[in-house]
Amino acid sequence: MANLKEALGTNELTNKKAGLYRALIAEFLGTLLLNFFGCGSVVTGNVVAISLAFGLTVAAAIQGIGHISGGHVNPAVTFGLMVIGKVPVIRGLLYVILQCIGAVAGSGILKALSPERMEHVLGVVSLSPGVTPVQGFGIEFFLAFALVLVVCGACDAAKPDSKGIAPLIIGFTVSVCHIVGIPRTGAGMNPARSLGSAIVMDIYEDHWLYWVGPILGGMAAGLIYTFVIGPAKESKNSNRVYTVAATDEKELQNLTSKRKDNPA
């Protein structure tokens, strides 16, 4: 019973130390910024510029709110981490709700601050001519798959050396995925981001694939990283020295001396 409660995360609803409500606000703000800046770049009409805008906004959002909520800013990421037990079910579902609300708010603000001549380029995703719904589903699946696989690798607790650059790594992954996805599906790869634009513009054509594809792709990536590839493991014989481990000059000299006496 205790394990079930822990998996569901019911205790977080009343435990102030869990910081659930601060995390929900963080996810709301993160997706708001994503839809405002990412979708706002669509007016440029340049695939590379749009891709960089989305990727760098994601990186900035993770840097800004990652310490509070984990910086998911995407239901596909949340479901991917939830299915492997990294996020309690209740927290995960609440994240998705607030991500969607934040995305709608971001797109709404963008529309309110844009002239009428720009209203047709507010980031609504759609299939390009000739791309079938099945192909679109496949593209969205693999875009989210790549993203969540990188998230799992970049945030692996056994790889502390990647933590500092994790936001940038994840952001560049988003950019690469957009370069591939924009010409085919508009590169939703984020159900909340797609929903925000769809609601504001009242356009829902093939909208289902922008939910099902990314969520299944994210869940598949989480499961494969955890149970097939396997999380990273710290070697027992590892003698790597991280700068945060040597905060005193004398300690640093001692560590350096040890490394000379016992070269790798």
Protein backbone atom coordinates (compact mmCIF):
# COMPACT_ATOMS: atom_id res chain seq x y z
CA MET A 1 0.00 0.00 0.00
CA ALA A 2 2.87 2.35 0.86
CA ASN A 3 4.49 1.66 -2.52
CA LEU A 4 1.21 2.43 -4.30
CA LYS A 5 0.87 5.75 -2.48
CA GLU A 6 4.45 6.61 -3.34
CA ALA A 7 3.91 5.75 -7.01
CA LEU A 8 0.73 7.83 -7.12
CA GLY A 9 2.27 10.64 -5.10
CA THR A 10 -0.83 11.32 -3.01
CA ASN A 11 1.31 12.54 -0.12
CA GLU A 12 2.62 15.41 -2.25
CA LEU A 13 -0.80 17.03 -2.31
CA THR A 14 -0.55 17.92 1.39
CA ASN A 15 3.20 17.85 1.98
CA LYS A 16 4.50 21.40 1.65
CA LYS A 17 8.09 20.18 1.52
CA ALA A 18 7.34 18.37 -1.75
CA GLY A 19 7.04 21.73 -3.49
CA LEU A 20 4.33 20.44 -5.83
CA TYR A 21 2.47 23.72 -6.22
CA ARG A 22 5.63 25.70 -6.92
CA ALA A 23 6.54 23.08 -9.53
CA LEU A 24 3.13 23.44 -11.18
CA ILE A 25 3.58 27.20 -11.46
CA ALA A 26 7.04 26.62 -12.92
CA GLU A 27 5.69 24.27 -15.62
CA PHE A 28 2.95 26.77 -16.42
CA LEU A 29 5.51 29.55 -16.91
CA GLY A 30 7.86 27.32 -18.88
CA THR A 31 5.29 26.36 -21.50
CA LEU A 32 3.93 29.91 -21.60
CA LEU A 33 7.39 31.15 -22.59
CA LEU A 34 7.82 28.29 -25.06
CA ASN A 35 4.65 29.13 -26.97
CA PHE A 36 5.24 32.86 -26.84
CA PHE A 37 8.83 32.86 -28.09
CA GLY A 38 8.86 29.63 -30.08
CA CYS A 39 5.61 30.20 -31.92
CA GLY A 40 6.43 33.88 -32.18
CA SER A 41 9.44 33.01 -34.34
CA VAL A 42 7.29 31.26 -36.97
CA VAL A 43 6.65 34.62 -38.65
CA THR A 44 10.28 34.59 -39.86
CA GLY A 45 9.49 31.70 -42.21
CA ASN A 46 13.05 30.43 -41.76
CA VAL A 47 13.32 26.80 -40.64
CA VAL A 48 16.71 27.26 -38.97
CA ALA A 49 15.63 30.42 -37.14
CA ILE A 50 12.42 28.76 -35.91
CA SER A 51 14.32 25.65 -34.85
CA LEU A 52 16.86 27.67 -32.88
CA ALA A 53 14.10 29.75 -31.27
CA PHE A 54 12.32 26.66 -29.97
CA GLY A 55 15.53 24.95 -28.88
CA LEU A 56 17.03 27.95 -27.11
CA THR A 57 13.71 28.76 -25.43
CA VAL A 58 13.53 25.19 -24.10
CA ALA A 59 17.13 25.46 -22.86
CA ALA A 60 16.37 28.78 -21.16
CA ALA A 61 13.19 27.42 -19.57
CA ILE A 62 15.01 24.37 -18.20
CA GLN A 63 17.74 26.58 -16.80
CA GLY A 64 15.17 28.84 -15.17
CA ILE A 65 12.75 26.31 -13.67
CA GLY A 66 14.61 22.99 -13.78
CA HIS A 67 15.58 23.14 -10.11
CA ILE A 68 11.92 23.54 -9.14
CA SER A 69 9.99 21.18 -11.41
CA GLY A 70 12.61 19.38 -13.47
CA GLY A 71 11.83 21.61 -16.44
CA HIS A 72 9.71 19.17 -18.43
CA VAL A 73 7.73 21.81 -20.36
CA ASN A 74 6.34 18.97 -22.49
CA PRO A 75 3.75 16.24 -21.75
CA ALA A 76 5.82 13.78 -23.81
CA VAL A 77 8.74 14.26 -21.41
CA THR A 78 6.44 14.01 -18.40
CA PHE A 79 4.85 10.76 -19.61
CA GLY A 80 8.25 9.39 -20.55
CA LEU A 81 9.56 9.94 -17.01
CA MET A 82 6.28 8.93 -15.39
CA VAL A 83 6.20 5.50 -17.06
CA ILE A 84 9.62 4.63 -15.59
CA GLY A 85 8.72 5.84 -12.12
CA LYS A 86 10.78 9.04 -12.09
CA VAL A 87 7.67 11.16 -11.61
CA PRO A 88 4.64 10.21 -9.44
CA VAL A 89 1.41 9.73 -11.38
CA ILE A 90 -0.56 12.56 -9.77
CA ARG A 91 2.32 15.02 -10.12
CA GLY A 92 2.75 13.97 -13.76
CA LEU A 93 -0.91 14.44 -14.66
CA LEU A 94 -1.01 17.81 -12.93
CA TYR A 95 2.13 18.82 -14.81
CA VAL A 96 0.40 18.02 -18.11
CA ILE A 97 -2.66 20.08 -17.17
CA LEU A 98 -0.58 23.11 -16.20
CA GLN A 99 1.64 22.71 -19.27
CA CYS A 100 -1.46 22.87 -21.47
CA ILE A 101 -2.84 25.90 -19.65
CA GLY A 102 0.54 27.62 -19.91
CA ALA A 103 0.77 26.89 -23.63
CA VAL A 104 -2.70 28.30 -24.27
CA ALA A 105 -1.80 31.39 -22.23
CA GLY A 106 1.45 31.85 -24.17
CA SER A 107 -0.27 31.55 -27.55
CA GLY A 108 -3.09 33.83 -26.36
CA ILE A 109 -0.65 36.53 -25.30
CA LEU A 110 1.23 36.15 -28.58
CA LYS A 111 -1.97 36.60 -30.57
CA ALA A 112 -3.03 39.61 -28.49
CA LEU A 113 0.33 41.28 -29.13
CA SER A 114 0.47 40.49 -32.86
CA PRO A 115 -1.10 42.50 -35.70
CA GLU A 116 -3.82 40.87 -37.78
CA ARG A 117 -1.47 40.29 -40.69
CA MET A 118 0.54 37.89 -38.48
CA GLU A 119 -2.37 35.90 -37.09
CA HIS A 120 -1.99 33.17 -39.71
CA VAL A 121 1.56 32.38 -38.54
CA LEU A 122 1.11 31.78 -34.82
CA GLY A 123 2.54 28.28 -34.82
CA VAL A 124 -0.40 26.02 -35.67
CA VAL A 125 1.06 22.66 -36.66
CA SER A 126 -0.24 20.79 -39.70
CA LEU A 127 0.81 18.08 -42.12
CA SER A 128 2.60 19.23 -45.23
CA PRO A 129 0.99 18.39 -48.59
CA GLY A 130 1.52 14.72 -49.38
CA VAL A 131 2.30 13.70 -45.79
CA THR A 132 -0.26 11.15 -44.59
CA PRO A 133 -1.54 11.04 -40.99
CA VAL A 134 0.30 7.75 -40.48
CA GLN A 135 3.56 9.30 -41.68
CA GLY A 136 2.89 12.33 -39.50
CA PHE A 137 2.32 10.07 -36.52
CA GLY A 138 5.64 8.35 -37.21
CA ILE A 139 7.52 11.64 -37.45
CA GLU A 140 6.02 12.94 -34.20
CA PHE A 141 6.78 9.63 -32.50
CA PHE A 142 10.45 9.75 -33.41
CA LEU A 143 10.86 13.45 -32.62
CA ALA A 144 9.66 12.90 -29.06
CA PHE A 145 11.56 9.61 -28.84
CA ALA A 146 14.84 11.38 -29.59
CA LEU A 147 14.06 14.17 -27.14
CA VAL A 148 13.18 11.95 -24.18
CA LEU A 149 16.13 9.62 -24.85
CA VAL A 150 18.45 12.63 -24.65
CA VAL A 151 16.66 13.92 -21.54
CA CYS A 152 17.19 10.57 -19.81
CA GLY A 153 20.86 10.51 -20.78
CA ALA A 154 21.61 14.14 -19.99
CA CYS A 155 19.91 13.99 -16.58
CA ASP A 156 21.19 10.55 -15.54
CA ALA A 157 22.23 10.82 -11.88
CA ALA A 158 25.31 8.68 -12.55
CA LYS A 159 26.62 11.24 -15.06
CA PRO A 160 27.19 14.37 -12.96
CA ASP A 161 29.55 15.79 -15.58
CA SER A 162 26.63 16.37 -17.95
CA LYS A 163 24.35 18.18 -15.51
CA GLY A 164 25.76 21.62 -16.12
CA ILE A 165 25.25 21.48 -19.87
CA ALA A 166 22.04 19.41 -19.83
CA PRO A 167 19.74 22.37 -20.69
CA LEU A 168 21.85 23.23 -23.73
CA ILE A 169 22.08 19.59 -24.88
CA ILE A 170 18.31 19.20 -24.60
CA GLY A 171 17.73 22.55 -26.31
CA PHE A 172 19.92 21.63 -29.28
CA THR A 173 18.09 18.31 -29.54
CA VAL A 174 14.83 20.23 -29.82
CA SER A 175 16.38 22.38 -32.56
CA VAL A 176 17.59 19.38 -34.56
CA CYS A 177 14.19 17.73 -34.27
CA HIS A 178 12.51 20.89 -35.53
CA ILE A 179 14.80 21.05 -38.56
CA VAL A 180 13.58 17.57 -39.51
CA GLY A 181 9.98 17.99 -38.39
CA ILE A 182 8.98 21.45 -39.60
CA PRO A 183 8.93 20.57 -43.33
CA ARG A 184 6.82 17.47 -42.61
CA THR A 185 4.48 18.00 -39.66
CA GLY A 186 5.31 21.48 -38.41
CA ALA A 187 7.27 19.76 -35.60
CA GLY A 188 4.77 19.63 -32.78
CA MET A 189 6.73 17.08 -30.67
CA ASN A 190 5.03 18.68 -27.67
CA PRO A 191 1.28 18.09 -27.18
CA ALA A 192 0.86 21.15 -24.95
CA ARG A 193 2.62 23.45 -27.42
CA SER A 194 0.45 22.10 -30.27
CA LEU A 195 -2.72 22.47 -28.21
CA GLY A 196 -1.96 26.08 -27.30
CA SER A 197 -1.75 27.15 -30.93
CA ALA A 198 -4.74 25.01 -31.95
CA ILE A 199 -7.05 26.48 -29.31
CA VAL A 200 -6.08 30.09 -29.97
CA MET A 201 -6.51 29.69 -33.74
CA ASP A 202 -9.41 27.19 -33.47
CA ILE A 203 -7.73 24.73 -35.86
CA TYR A 204 -7.70 21.03 -34.92
CA GLU A 205 -7.01 19.14 -38.16
CA ASP A 206 -5.20 15.83 -37.43
CA HIS A 207 -4.67 17.10 -33.90
CA TRP A 208 -4.81 13.60 -32.42
CA LEU A 209 -1.45 12.62 -33.90
CA TYR A 210 0.24 15.55 -32.16
CA TRP A 211 -0.78 13.96 -28.86
CA VAL A 212 -0.59 10.23 -29.48
CA GLY A 213 2.68 10.30 -31.45
CA PRO A 214 4.80 12.33 -29.00
CA ILE A 215 3.42 10.67 -25.86
CA LEU A 216 4.01 7.14 -27.16
CA GLY A 217 7.44 8.18 -28.44
CA GLY A 218 8.37 9.65 -25.07
CA MET A 219 7.19 6.59 -23.16
CA ALA A 220 9.04 4.25 -25.52
CA ALA A 221 12.27 6.24 -25.09
CA GLY A 222 12.00 6.21 -21.31
CA LEU A 223 11.43 2.45 -21.21
CA ILE A 224 14.24 1.70 -23.68
CA TYR A 225 16.74 3.90 -21.85
CA THR A 226 15.88 2.32 -18.51
CA PHE A 227 15.42 -1.34 -19.39
CA VAL A 228 17.30 -1.89 -22.66
CA ILE A 229 20.22 0.54 -22.79
CA GLY A 230 20.42 0.78 -19.03
CA PRO A 231 21.20 3.89 -16.98
CA ALA A 232 24.85 4.85 -16.56
CA LYS A 233 26.74 3.28 -13.67
CA GLU A 234 29.65 4.84 -11.82
CA SER A 235 32.74 2.65 -12.12
CA LYS A 236 34.14 1.41 -8.80
CA ASN A 237 37.64 2.13 -10.09
CA SER A 238 36.77 5.55 -11.43
CA ASN A 239 39.27 8.23 -10.34
CA ARG A 240 37.72 11.20 -12.06
CA VAL A 241 38.00 14.44 -10.14
CA TYR A 242 35.27 17.04 -10.54
CA THR A 243 35.98 20.66 -9.72
CA VAL A 244 33.17 20.76 -7.18
CA ALA A 245 34.99 18.06 -5.18
CA ALA A 246 38.07 20.23 -4.58
CA THR A 247 37.02 23.46 -2.93
CA ASP A 248 40.26 24.07 -1.06
CA GLU A 249 43.67 24.69 -2.64
CA LYS A 250 45.41 22.23 -0.29
CA GLU A 251 42.77 19.61 -1.00
CA LEU A 252 43.23 20.16 -4.74
CA GLN A 253 47.00 19.65 -4.36
CA ASN A 254 46.42 16.42 -2.43
CA LEU A 255 44.08 15.14 -5.13
CA THR A 256 46.58 16.05 -7.84
CA SER A 257 49.37 14.28 -5.94
CA LYS A 258 47.28 11.14 -5.59
CA ARG A 259 46.51 11.13 -9.29
CA LYS A 260 50.25 11.35 -10.11
CA ASP A 261 51.03 8.49 -7.75
CA ASN A 262 48.18 6.40 -9.15
CA PRO A 263 47.84 7.35 -12.82
CA ALA A 264 44.71 6.09 -14.64
